[in-house]
Amino acid sequence: MEKRRVRLEINGVVCGLITQESDEYMESLAEEVGEMITEIQIASPYITREAAAITAALSYCDDARKNGTKRHELQERVDELEVEAEIWQEEKEDMVNNGPNPQTRAHIEELEQENTRLQEAAQQVEKLRERLTVLEDENGALRQETAQLAELEACRREVERLQEENGRLRQAAESSPEEGKLLEELEKLVADNAALKLLAEEKDAQIKKAEQEKQATIAAAKRAVEEAKRLVDEAKAQAVAAGAPKEAHEETLVVQAPEEKEKAAEKEKTEEKEEAPQKKTSRKRRNPLRHEDEYEQEGFVSFFEKK
C-alpha cells in the first residue's frame, strides 16, 4: 500500500500522520489513546495535557516492550517445538523402517509387564471382594444359627427342669396315696373354678348385652314419643289453621298418632294395677336372675309411663 497523510484529533489536539494503514485503523488507535489520556486526567485532576500524553506514551511503550519480549520467548519456544517435531518425525520414520530402538523396546516391555501385573492385581481384588461378600453372608447366617441355638438351649434347660419337677411330683404322689387324691381333687376344683369363671364371664356378657338392648329400646321409645308429639303438634296446627271442629280434630289425632292411643291404653292398665294392689302383693317372689328380662321390661314400662 502507498503511504498517505492522515489527519487525527486526540483530545482536542490535531495531528497529521503519514502511514500505510487504513483510516478506520488509525481512528481506532486515536480513540484508544484519547481514552487512556482521559483516564489519566481523571485519576490525576491537576496533571497537564502534555504530561498525560507522555504518561500514555510511556504506558504504550512499556506494553510494546513486554509484548516484544514475550513474542521473542514464544518464537524461541516455537523453534524448539519445531526442532522436537522434526526429531520425533525422524524417530518415527526410523521406527517404521527399522523398528523401535532397544531402549524404547525395553520401555515398552516394562510397560506391558506392569500392565499385566495391574490386571492380575485387579482380578485378585475382584475375587477378594466376592469372597468378602460370601463370608459376610455366611457370618450373618452363623449369627442367626447361634441365636437360635441359644434359644433352643434355654428351652432344653427349661424342659429338663420341668421333667425333674414332674418326676419329683410323681414320686411324691406314689409315696402317699392321700396326696394323690388331694391333687386330683385340686385339679378338679381348678377345672370347676375355670368353668365357673367362664359362666360368670358369659353371664356378664349377657347382662351387658341386655343393658345395651335396654338403652337402645329406651332411646327408640324416646324418639317415637318425640316424633308422636311432633306429629300431634303439626296436626293441631293444621286443624287450627283449617278451622276444623273439635271432633274432627280428635279423630285426626287418633289417626295420625297411634302412639298416643297405645300410651292411653297402657295408662288405663296402670290404673287398674294400682286399684288392685292386693293381687300384685300376693304374687310369688321371683328369682331376679331368672326374671331379669321381665324386671327390665317392667322398668321400661314404668319409665315410659312417667315420660
C-alpha atoms as a PDB file:
ATOM      1  CA  MET A   1       0.000   0.000   0.000  1.00  0.00           C
ATOM      2  CA  GLU A   2       1.129   3.578  -0.703  1.00  0.00           C
ATOM      3  CA  LYS A   3       1.860   5.961   2.077  1.00  0.00           C
ATOM      4  CA  ARG A   4      -0.628   8.729   2.633  1.00  0.00           C
ATOM      5  CA  ARG A   5      -1.309  11.558   5.066  1.00  0.00           C
ATOM      6  CA  VAL A   6      -3.949  11.009   7.801  1.00  0.00           C
ATOM      7  CA  ARG A   7      -5.393  13.770   9.977  1.00  0.00           C
ATOM      8  CA  LEU A   8      -6.349  12.697  13.538  1.00  0.00           C
ATOM      9  CA  GLU A   9      -7.783  14.553  16.543  1.00  0.00           C
ATOM     10  CA  ILE A  10      -6.859  13.331  20.033  1.00  0.00           C
ATOM     11  CA  ASN A  11      -8.436  15.202  22.986  1.00  0.00           C
ATOM     12  CA  GLY A  12      -8.663  18.439  21.033  1.00  0.00           C
ATOM     13  CA  VAL A  13      -5.144  18.169  19.535  1.00  0.00           C
ATOM     14  CA  VAL A  14      -4.977  17.755  15.741  1.00  0.00           C
ATOM     15  CA  CYS A  15      -2.208  15.509  14.478  1.00  0.00           C
ATOM     16  CA  GLY A  16      -1.098  14.839  10.898  1.00  0.00           C
ATOM     17  CA  LEU A  17       0.480  11.448  10.248  1.00  0.00           C
ATOM     18  CA  ILE A  18       1.890   9.673   7.206  1.00  0.00           C
ATOM     19  CA  THR A  19       1.040   5.949   7.262  1.00  0.00           C
ATOM     20  CA  GLN A  20       0.115   2.985   5.115  1.00  0.00           C
ATOM     21  CA  GLU A  21      -2.743   1.866   7.431  1.00  0.00           C
ATOM     22  CA  SER A  22      -6.396   2.482   6.776  1.00  0.00           C
ATOM     23  CA  ASP A  23      -8.363   5.391   8.150  1.00  0.00           C
ATOM     24  CA  GLU A  24     -10.504   3.103  10.380  1.00  0.00           C
ATOM     25  CA  TYR A  25      -7.435   1.539  11.967  1.00  0.00           C
ATOM     26  CA  MET A  26      -5.830   4.923  12.673  1.00  0.00           C
ATOM     27  CA  GLU A  27      -9.085   6.339  14.075  1.00  0.00           C
ATOM     28  CA  SER A  28      -9.386   3.329  16.438  1.00  0.00           C
ATOM     29  CA  LEU A  29      -5.811   3.991  17.633  1.00  0.00           C
ATOM     30  CA  ALA A  30      -6.578   7.686  18.174  1.00  0.00           C
ATOM     31  CA  GLU A  31      -9.731   6.798  20.085  1.00  0.00           C
ATOM     32  CA  GLU A  32      -7.854   4.328  22.307  1.00  0.00           C
ATOM     33  CA  VAL A  33      -5.074   6.881  23.038  1.00  0.00           C
ATOM     34  CA  GLY A  34      -7.671   9.564  23.811  1.00  0.00           C
ATOM     35  CA  GLU A  35      -9.482   7.248  26.262  1.00  0.00           C
ATOM     36  CA  MET A  36      -6.206   6.497  28.069  1.00  0.00           C
ATOM     37  CA  ILE A  37      -5.304  10.206  28.351  1.00  0.00           C
ATOM     38  CA  THR A  38      -8.810  10.940  29.690  1.00  0.00           C
ATOM     39  CA  GLU A  39      -8.465   8.176  32.304  1.00  0.00           C
ATOM     40  CA  ILE A  40      -5.067   9.587  33.375  1.00  0.00           C
ATOM     41  CA  GLN A  41      -6.546  13.088  33.721  1.00  0.00           C
ATOM     42  CA  ILE A  42      -9.466  11.741  35.762  1.00  0.00           C
ATOM     43  CA  ALA A  43      -7.079   9.843  38.064  1.00  0.00           C
ATOM     44  CA  SER A  44      -4.844  12.942  38.434  1.00  0.00           C
ATOM     45  CA  PRO A  45      -7.018  16.084  38.112  1.00  0.00           C
ATOM     46  CA  TYR A  46      -4.049  18.523  38.339  1.00  0.00           C
ATOM     47  CA  ILE A  47      -1.923  16.918  35.615  1.00  0.00           C
ATOM     48  CA  THR A  48      -1.363  18.819  32.384  1.00  0.00           C
ATOM     49  CA  ARG A  49      -2.413  17.556  28.998  1.00  0.00           C
ATOM     50  CA  GLU A  50       1.211  17.180  27.858  1.00  0.00           C
ATOM     51  CA  ALA A  51       2.115  15.154  30.987  1.00  0.00           C
ATOM     52  CA  ALA A  52      -0.934  12.960  30.463  1.00  0.00           C
ATOM     53  CA  ALA A  53       0.094  12.360  26.848  1.00  0.00           C
ATOM     54  CA  ILE A  54       3.669  11.498  27.914  1.00  0.00           C
ATOM     55  CA  THR A  55       2.285   9.087  30.564  1.00  0.00           C
ATOM     56  CA  ALA A  56       0.115   7.378  27.950  1.00  0.00           C
ATOM     57  CA  ALA A  57       3.126   7.109  25.622  1.00  0.00           C
ATOM     58  CA  LEU A  58       5.185   5.528  28.401  1.00  0.00           C
ATOM     59  CA  SER A  59       2.403   3.020  29.105  1.00  0.00           C
ATOM     60  CA  TYR A  60       2.198   2.035  25.432  1.00  0.00           C
ATOM     61  CA  CYS A  61       5.991   1.755  25.189  1.00  0.00           C
ATOM     62  CA  ASP A  62       6.052  -0.490  28.268  1.00  0.00           C
ATOM     63  CA  ASP A  63       3.344  -2.741  26.831  1.00  0.00           C
ATOM     64  CA  ALA A  64       5.141  -2.876  23.488  1.00  0.00           C
ATOM     65  CA  ARG A  65       8.476  -3.833  25.046  1.00  0.00           C
ATOM     66  CA  LYS A  66       6.885  -6.513  27.262  1.00  0.00           C
ATOM     67  CA  ASN A  67       4.917  -7.862  24.332  1.00  0.00           C
ATOM     68  CA  GLY A  68       8.123  -7.908  22.266  1.00  0.00           C
ATOM     69  CA  THR A  69       9.899  -9.923  24.992  1.00  0.00           C
ATOM     70  CA  LYS A  70       7.025 -12.372  25.199  1.00  0.00           C
ATOM     71  CA  ARG A  71       6.919 -12.607  21.466  1.00  0.00           C
ATOM     72  CA  HIS A  72      10.630 -13.399  21.367  1.00  0.00           C
ATOM     73  CA  GLU A  73      10.207 -16.081  24.056  1.00  0.00           C
ATOM     74  CA  LEU A  74       7.259 -17.557  22.220  1.00  0.00           C
ATOM     75  CA  GLN A  75       9.215 -17.575  18.986  1.00  0.00           C
ATOM     76  CA  GLU A  76      12.066 -19.415  20.663  1.00  0.00           C
ATOM     77  CA  ARG A  77       9.619 -21.956  22.095  1.00  0.00           C
ATOM     78  CA  VAL A  78       8.072 -22.387  18.639  1.00  0.00           C
ATOM     79  CA  ASP A  79      11.515 -23.021  17.200  1.00  0.00           C
ATOM     80  CA  GLU A  80      12.248 -25.613  19.884  1.00  0.00           C
ATOM     81  CA  LEU A  81       8.949 -27.362  19.240  1.00  0.00           C
ATOM     82  CA  GLU A  82       9.627 -27.407  15.521  1.00  0.00           C
ATOM     83  CA  VAL A  83      13.035 -28.994  16.185  1.00  0.00           C
ATOM     84  CA  GLU A  84      11.458 -31.571  18.516  1.00  0.00           C
ATOM     85  CA  ALA A  85       8.769 -32.296  15.948  1.00  0.00           C
ATOM     86  CA  GLU A  86      11.420 -32.869  13.295  1.00  0.00           C
ATOM     87  CA  ILE A  87      13.356 -35.182  15.639  1.00  0.00           C
ATOM     88  CA  TRP A  88      10.182 -37.070  16.541  1.00  0.00           C
ATOM     89  CA  GLN A  89       9.255 -37.386  12.877  1.00  0.00           C
ATOM     90  CA  GLU A  90      12.716 -38.755  12.107  1.00  0.00           C
ATOM     91  CA  GLU A  91      12.460 -41.247  15.021  1.00  0.00           C
ATOM     92  CA  LYS A  92       9.020 -42.262  13.816  1.00  0.00           C
ATOM     93  CA  GLU A  93      10.268 -42.877  10.282  1.00  0.00           C
ATOM     94  CA  ASP A  94      13.248 -44.777  11.678  1.00  0.00           C
ATOM     95  CA  MET A  95      10.927 -46.889  13.883  1.00  0.00           C
ATOM     96  CA  VAL A  96       8.665 -47.627  10.935  1.00  0.00           C
ATOM     97  CA  ASN A  97      11.587 -48.602   8.751  1.00  0.00           C
ATOM     98  CA  ASN A  98      13.923 -50.291  11.252  1.00  0.00           C
ATOM     99  CA  GLY A  99      11.653 -50.961  14.281  1.00  0.00           C
ATOM    100  CA  PRO A 100      11.957 -49.385  17.731  1.00  0.00           C
ATOM    101  CA  ASN A 101      15.389 -48.899  19.264  1.00  0.00           C
ATOM    102  CA  PRO A 102      16.498 -51.137  22.182  1.00  0.00           C
ATOM    103  CA  GLN A 103      15.694 -48.524  24.841  1.00  0.00           C
ATOM    104  CA  THR A 104      12.198 -47.940  23.506  1.00  0.00           C
ATOM    105  CA  ARG A 105      11.623 -51.687  23.140  1.00  0.00           C
ATOM    106  CA  ALA A 106      12.739 -52.274  26.759  1.00  0.00           C
ATOM    107  CA  HIS A 107      10.483 -49.475  27.970  1.00  0.00           C
ATOM    108  CA  ILE A 108       7.525 -50.935  26.062  1.00  0.00           C
ATOM    109  CA  GLU A 109       8.181 -54.377  27.542  1.00  0.00           C
ATOM    110  CA  GLU A 110       8.337 -52.905  31.044  1.00  0.00           C
ATOM    111  CA  LEU A 111       5.032 -51.122  30.482  1.00  0.00           C
ATOM    112  CA  GLU A 112       3.422 -54.320  29.168  1.00  0.00           C
ATOM    113  CA  GLN A 113       4.662 -56.306  32.181  1.00  0.00           C
ATOM    114  CA  GLU A 114       3.418 -53.629  34.554  1.00  0.00           C
ATOM    115  CA  ASN A 115       0.053 -53.604  32.775  1.00  0.00           C
ATOM    116  CA  THR A 116      -0.191 -57.391  33.137  1.00  0.00           C
ATOM    117  CA  ARG A 117       0.626 -57.186  36.852  1.00  0.00           C
ATOM    118  CA  LEU A 118      -2.016 -54.480  37.327  1.00  0.00           C
ATOM    119  CA  GLN A 119      -4.625 -56.583  35.546  1.00  0.00           C
ATOM    120  CA  GLU A 120      -3.789 -59.613  37.722  1.00  0.00           C
ATOM    121  CA  ALA A 121      -3.958 -57.442  40.834  1.00  0.00           C
ATOM    122  CA  ALA A 122      -7.353 -56.068  39.735  1.00  0.00           C
ATOM    123  CA  GLN A 123      -8.653 -59.621  39.185  1.00  0.00           C
ATOM    124  CA  GLN A 124      -7.392 -60.675  42.612  1.00  0.00           C
ATOM    125  CA  VAL A 125      -9.067 -57.633  44.195  1.00  0.00           C
ATOM    126  CA  GLU A 126     -12.357 -58.521  42.496  1.00  0.00           C
ATOM    127  CA  LYS A 127     -12.093 -62.121  43.702  1.00  0.00           C
ATOM    128  CA  LEU A 128     -11.339 -60.902  47.224  1.00  0.00           C
ATOM    129  CA  ARG A 129     -14.415 -58.650  47.119  1.00  0.00           C
ATOM    130  CA  GLU A 130     -16.619 -61.542  46.041  1.00  0.00           C
ATOM    131  CA  ARG A 131     -15.094 -63.734  48.764  1.00  0.00           C
ATOM    132  CA  LEU A 132     -15.703 -60.989  51.321  1.00  0.00           C
ATOM    133  CA  THR A 133     -19.374 -60.753  50.310  1.00  0.00           C
ATOM    134  CA  VAL A 134     -19.775 -64.533  50.635  1.00  0.00           C
ATOM    135  CA  LEU A 135     -18.064 -64.530  54.034  1.00  0.00           C
ATOM    136  CA  GLU A 136     -20.308 -61.710  55.263  1.00  0.00           C
ATOM    137  CA  ASP A 137     -23.416 -63.686  54.217  1.00  0.00           C
ATOM    138  CA  GLU A 138     -22.077 -66.804  55.928  1.00  0.00           C
ATOM    139  CA  ASN A 139     -21.266 -64.775  59.040  1.00  0.00           C
ATOM    140  CA  GLY A 140     -24.843 -63.447  59.171  1.00  0.00           C
ATOM    141  CA  ALA A 141     -26.271 -66.950  58.768  1.00  0.00           C
ATOM    142  CA  LEU A 142     -23.976 -68.260  61.519  1.00  0.00           C
ATOM    143  CA  ARG A 143     -25.082 -65.478  63.840  1.00  0.00           C
ATOM    144  CA  GLN A 144     -28.730 -66.366  63.263  1.00  0.00           C
ATOM    145  CA  GLU A 145     -27.988 -70.042  63.891  1.00  0.00           C
ATOM    146  CA  THR A 146     -26.100 -69.133  67.081  1.00  0.00           C
ATOM    147  CA  ALA A 147     -29.064 -67.109  68.329  1.00  0.00           C
ATOM    148  CA  GLN A 148     -31.430 -69.994  67.539  1.00  0.00           C
ATOM    149  CA  LEU A 149     -29.132 -72.467  69.296  1.00  0.00           C
ATOM    150  CA  ALA A 150     -29.056 -70.217  72.355  1.00  0.00           C
ATOM    151  CA  GLU A 151     -32.862 -70.138  72.408  1.00  0.00           C
ATOM    152  CA  LEU A 152     -33.014 -73.919  71.955  1.00  0.00           C
ATOM    153  CA  GLU A 153     -30.507 -74.393  74.780  1.00  0.00           C
ATOM    154  CA  ALA A 154     -32.663 -72.274  77.094  1.00  0.00           C
ATOM    155  CA  CYS A 155     -35.768 -74.274  76.103  1.00  0.00           C
ATOM    156  CA  ARG A 156     -33.909 -77.551  76.650  1.00  0.00           C
ATOM    157  CA  ARG A 157     -32.883 -76.468  80.134  1.00  0.00           C
ATOM    158  CA  GLU A 158     -36.452 -75.456  80.945  1.00  0.00           C
ATOM    159  CA  VAL A 159     -37.752 -78.820  79.670  1.00  0.00           C
ATOM    160  CA  GLU A 160     -35.212 -80.678  81.804  1.00  0.00           C
ATOM    161  CA  ARG A 161     -36.205 -78.650  84.856  1.00  0.00           C
ATOM    162  CA  LEU A 162     -39.894 -79.379  84.259  1.00  0.00           C
ATOM    163  CA  GLN A 163     -39.161 -83.068  83.752  1.00  0.00           C
ATOM    164  CA  GLU A 164     -37.259 -83.212  87.041  1.00  0.00           C
ATOM    165  CA  GLU A 165     -40.067 -81.380  88.832  1.00  0.00           C
ATOM    166  CA  ASN A 166     -42.649 -83.720  87.273  1.00  0.00           C
ATOM    167  CA  GLY A 167     -40.628 -86.723  88.395  1.00  0.00           C
ATOM    168  CA  ARG A 168     -40.479 -85.401  91.961  1.00  0.00           C
ATOM    169  CA  LEU A 169     -44.233 -84.810  91.951  1.00  0.00           C
ATOM    170  CA  ARG A 170     -44.888 -88.325  90.670  1.00  0.00           C
ATOM    171  CA  GLN A 171     -42.661 -89.808  93.334  1.00  0.00           C
ATOM    172  CA  ALA A 172     -44.439 -87.795  95.998  1.00  0.00           C
ATOM    173  CA  ALA A 173     -47.842 -88.917  94.634  1.00  0.00           C
ATOM    174  CA  GLU A 174     -46.803 -92.594  94.552  1.00  0.00           C
ATOM    175  CA  SER A 175     -45.384 -92.414  98.077  1.00  0.00           C
ATOM    176  CA  SER A 176     -48.627 -91.034  99.576  1.00  0.00           C
ATOM    177  CA  PRO A 177     -51.998 -92.046  98.026  1.00  0.00           C
ATOM    178  CA  GLU A 178     -53.778 -89.356 100.057  1.00  0.00           C
ATOM    179  CA  GLU A 179     -51.667 -86.653  98.456  1.00  0.00           C
ATOM    180  CA  GLY A 180     -52.536 -88.114  95.033  1.00  0.00           C
ATOM    181  CA  LYS A 181     -56.229 -87.906  95.860  1.00  0.00           C
ATOM    182  CA  LEU A 182     -55.749 -84.351  97.071  1.00  0.00           C
ATOM    183  CA  LEU A 183     -54.004 -83.456  93.841  1.00  0.00           C
ATOM    184  CA  GLU A 184     -56.851 -84.985  91.824  1.00  0.00           C
ATOM    185  CA  GLU A 185     -59.396 -83.051  93.888  1.00  0.00           C
ATOM    186  CA  LEU A 186     -57.321 -79.901  93.491  1.00  0.00           C
ATOM    187  CA  GLU A 187     -57.214 -80.354  89.719  1.00  0.00           C
ATOM    188  CA  LYS A 188     -60.961 -80.962  89.701  1.00  0.00           C
ATOM    189  CA  LEU A 189     -61.532 -77.819  91.762  1.00  0.00           C
ATOM    190  CA  VAL A 190     -59.318 -75.840  89.408  1.00  0.00           C
ATOM    191  CA  ALA A 191     -61.321 -77.115  86.430  1.00  0.00           C
ATOM    192  CA  ASP A 192     -64.616 -76.280  88.189  1.00  0.00           C
ATOM    193  CA  ASN A 193     -63.292 -72.829  89.050  1.00  0.00           C
ATOM    194  CA  ALA A 194     -62.356 -72.233  85.420  1.00  0.00           C
ATOM    195  CA  ALA A 195     -65.816 -73.375  84.305  1.00  0.00           C
ATOM    196  CA  LEU A 196     -67.457 -71.056  86.846  1.00  0.00           C
ATOM    197  CA  LYS A 197     -65.307 -68.153  85.693  1.00  0.00           C
ATOM    198  CA  LEU A 198     -66.321 -68.895  82.120  1.00  0.00           C
ATOM    199  CA  LEU A 199     -70.009 -68.982  83.095  1.00  0.00           C
ATOM    200  CA  ALA A 200     -69.604 -65.733  85.028  1.00  0.00           C
ATOM    201  CA  GLU A 201     -67.969 -64.073  82.037  1.00  0.00           C
ATOM    202  CA  GLU A 202     -70.783 -65.316  79.774  1.00  0.00           C
ATOM    203  CA  LYS A 203     -73.372 -64.022  82.256  1.00  0.00           C
ATOM    204  CA  ASP A 204     -71.648 -60.644  82.426  1.00  0.00           C
ATOM    205  CA  ALA A 205     -71.649 -60.513  78.661  1.00  0.00           C
ATOM    206  CA  GLN A 206     -75.361 -61.321  78.575  1.00  0.00           C
ATOM    207  CA  ILE A 207     -76.066 -58.663  81.200  1.00  0.00           C
ATOM    208  CA  LYS A 208     -74.098 -56.083  79.237  1.00  0.00           C
ATOM    209  CA  LYS A 209     -75.894 -57.063  76.058  1.00  0.00           C
ATOM    210  CA  ALA A 210     -79.280 -56.814  77.793  1.00  0.00           C
ATOM    211  CA  GLU A 211     -78.317 -53.410  79.196  1.00  0.00           C
ATOM    212  CA  GLN A 212     -77.326 -52.220  75.745  1.00  0.00           C
ATOM    213  CA  GLU A 213     -80.596 -53.511  74.270  1.00  0.00           C
ATOM    214  CA  LYS A 214     -82.482 -51.776  77.088  1.00  0.00           C
ATOM    215  CA  GLN A 215     -80.722 -48.493  76.403  1.00  0.00           C
ATOM    216  CA  ALA A 216     -81.386 -48.866  72.666  1.00  0.00           C
ATOM    217  CA  THR A 217     -85.091 -49.601  73.344  1.00  0.00           C
ATOM    218  CA  ILE A 218     -85.391 -46.591  75.656  1.00  0.00           C
ATOM    219  CA  ALA A 219     -83.741 -44.375  73.071  1.00  0.00           C
ATOM    220  CA  ALA A 220     -86.060 -45.705  70.368  1.00  0.00           C
ATOM    221  CA  ALA A 221     -89.080 -45.096  72.641  1.00  0.00           C
ATOM    222  CA  LYS A 222     -87.927 -41.555  73.316  1.00  0.00           C
ATOM    223  CA  ARG A 223     -87.554 -40.921  69.619  1.00  0.00           C
ATOM    224  CA  ALA A 224     -91.009 -42.399  68.974  1.00  0.00           C
ATOM    225  CA  VAL A 225     -92.572 -40.189  71.696  1.00  0.00           C
ATOM    226  CA  GLU A 226     -90.842 -37.115  70.317  1.00  0.00           C
ATOM    227  CA  GLU A 227     -91.995 -37.994  66.804  1.00  0.00           C
ATOM    228  CA  ALA A 228     -95.554 -38.541  68.080  1.00  0.00           C
ATOM    229  CA  LYS A 229     -95.519 -35.202  69.864  1.00  0.00           C
ATOM    230  CA  ARG A 230     -94.227 -33.537  66.737  1.00  0.00           C
ATOM    231  CA  LEU A 231     -96.985 -35.145  64.669  1.00  0.00           C
ATOM    232  CA  VAL A 232     -99.592 -34.107  67.243  1.00  0.00           C
ATOM    233  CA  ASP A 233     -98.308 -30.523  67.220  1.00  0.00           C
ATOM    234  CA  GLU A 234     -98.384 -30.473  63.429  1.00  0.00           C
ATOM    235  CA  ALA A 235    -101.914 -31.938  63.419  1.00  0.00           C
ATOM    236  CA  LYS A 236    -103.067 -29.320  65.934  1.00  0.00           C
ATOM    237  CA  ALA A 237    -101.510 -26.568  63.892  1.00  0.00           C
ATOM    238  CA  GLN A 238    -103.160 -27.859  60.724  1.00  0.00           C
ATOM    239  CA  ALA A 239    -106.529 -28.197  62.487  1.00  0.00           C
ATOM    240  CA  VAL A 240    -106.326 -24.675  63.879  1.00  0.00           C
ATOM    241  CA  ALA A 241    -105.278 -23.323  60.504  1.00  0.00           C
ATOM    242  CA  ALA A 242    -108.143 -25.156  58.728  1.00  0.00           C
ATOM    243  CA  GLY A 243    -110.703 -24.178  61.382  1.00  0.00           C
ATOM    244  CA  ALA A 244    -111.885 -27.818  61.828  1.00  0.00           C
ATOM    245  CA  PRO A 245    -114.288 -28.782  64.679  1.00  0.00           C
ATOM    246  CA  LYS A 246    -113.045 -30.438  67.863  1.00  0.00           C
ATOM    247  CA  GLU A 247    -114.391 -33.923  66.983  1.00  0.00           C
ATOM    248  CA  ALA A 248    -112.650 -33.971  63.624  1.00  0.00           C
ATOM    249  CA  HIS A 249    -109.512 -32.702  65.324  1.00  0.00           C
ATOM    250  CA  GLU A 250    -109.560 -35.572  67.837  1.00  0.00           C
ATOM    251  CA  GLU A 251    -110.200 -38.116  65.070  1.00  0.00           C
ATOM    252  CA  THR A 252    -107.246 -36.753  63.153  1.00  0.00           C
ATOM    253  CA  LEU A 253    -105.089 -37.060  66.218  1.00  0.00           C
ATOM    254  CA  VAL A 254    -106.041 -40.697  66.658  1.00  0.00           C
ATOM    255  CA  VAL A 255    -105.343 -41.496  63.045  1.00  0.00           C
ATOM    256  CA  GLN A 256    -102.074 -39.616  62.740  1.00  0.00           C
ATOM    257  CA  ALA A 257    -100.695 -40.533  66.209  1.00  0.00           C
ATOM    258  CA  PRO A 258    -101.390 -44.194  67.089  1.00  0.00           C
ATOM    259  CA  GLU A 259     -98.616 -43.990  69.679  1.00  0.00           C
ATOM    260  CA  GLU A 260    -100.808 -41.729  71.826  1.00  0.00           C
ATOM    261  CA  LYS A 261    -103.597 -44.322  71.687  1.00  0.00           C
ATOM    262  CA  GLU A 262    -101.262 -47.052  72.892  1.00  0.00           C
ATOM    263  CA  LYS A 263     -99.997 -44.744  75.619  1.00  0.00           C
ATOM    264  CA  ALA A 264    -103.586 -44.169  76.828  1.00  0.00           C
ATOM    265  CA  ALA A 265    -104.238 -47.927  76.873  1.00  0.00           C
ATOM    266  CA  GLU A 266    -101.109 -48.538  78.895  1.00  0.00           C
ATOM    267  CA  LYS A 267    -102.148 -45.770  81.285  1.00  0.00           C
ATOM    268  CA  GLU A 268    -105.518 -47.498  81.842  1.00  0.00           C
ATOM    269  CA  LYS A 269    -103.747 -50.781  82.583  1.00  0.00           C
ATOM    270  CA  THR A 270    -101.530 -48.996  85.091  1.00  0.00           C
ATOM    271  CA  GLU A 271    -104.564 -47.512  86.851  1.00  0.00           C
ATOM    272  CA  GLU A 272    -106.119 -50.994  87.053  1.00  0.00           C
ATOM    273  CA  LYS A 273    -102.936 -52.306  88.631  1.00  0.00           C
ATOM    274  CA  GLU A 274    -102.953 -49.516  91.209  1.00  0.00           C
ATOM    275  CA  GLU A 275    -106.608 -50.313  92.078  1.00  0.00           C
ATOM    276  CA  ALA A 276    -105.753 -53.929  92.837  1.00  0.00           C
ATOM    277  CA  PRO A 277    -102.595 -53.791  94.992  1.00  0.00           C
ATOM    278  CA  GLN A 278    -103.544 -56.981  96.804  1.00  0.00           C
ATOM    279  CA  LYS A 279    -103.241 -59.061  93.656  1.00  0.00           C
ATOM    280  CA  LYS A 280     -99.859 -57.528  92.985  1.00  0.00           C
ATOM    281  CA  THR A 281     -98.577 -58.226  96.505  1.00  0.00           C
ATOM    282  CA  SER A 282     -99.958 -61.761  96.505  1.00  0.00           C
ATOM    283  CA  ARG A 283     -97.708 -62.764  93.632  1.00  0.00           C
ATOM    284  CA  LYS A 284     -94.850 -65.024  94.459  1.00  0.00           C
ATOM    285  CA  ARG A 285     -91.407 -63.547  94.697  1.00  0.00           C
ATOM    286  CA  ARG A 286     -89.471 -64.177  91.536  1.00  0.00           C
ATOM    287  CA  ASN A 287     -85.852 -65.017  91.169  1.00  0.00           C
ATOM    288  CA  PRO A 288     -84.100 -61.818  89.905  1.00  0.00           C
ATOM    289  CA  LEU A 289     -81.638 -63.871  87.872  1.00  0.00           C
ATOM    290  CA  ARG A 290     -84.365 -65.842  86.039  1.00  0.00           C
ATOM    291  CA  HIS A 291     -86.765 -62.912  85.618  1.00  0.00           C
ATOM    292  CA  GLU A 292     -84.231 -60.231  84.928  1.00  0.00           C
ATOM    293  CA  ASP A 293     -85.692 -59.543  81.481  1.00  0.00           C
ATOM    294  CA  GLU A 294     -89.190 -59.140  82.973  1.00  0.00           C
ATOM    295  CA  TYR A 295     -87.914 -56.664  85.580  1.00  0.00           C
ATOM    296  CA  GLU A 296     -86.140 -54.760  82.871  1.00  0.00           C
ATOM    297  CA  GLN A 297     -89.349 -54.737  80.796  1.00  0.00           C
ATOM    298  CA  GLU A 298     -91.414 -53.543  83.785  1.00  0.00           C
ATOM    299  CA  GLY A 299     -88.820 -50.866  84.496  1.00  0.00           C
ATOM    300  CA  PHE A 300     -89.032 -49.803  80.900  1.00  0.00           C
ATOM    301  CA  VAL A 301     -92.858 -49.671  81.069  1.00  0.00           C
ATOM    302  CA  SER A 302     -92.778 -47.565  84.237  1.00  0.00           C
ATOM    303  CA  PHE A 303     -90.218 -45.280  82.673  1.00  0.00           C
ATOM    304  CA  PHE A 304     -92.368 -44.986  79.550  1.00  0.00           C
ATOM    305  CA  GLU A 305     -95.422 -44.160  81.703  1.00  0.00           C
ATOM    306  CA  LYS A 306     -93.543 -41.478  83.563  1.00  0.00           C
ATOM    307  CA  LYS A 307     -92.475 -39.955  80.268  1.00  0.00           C
END
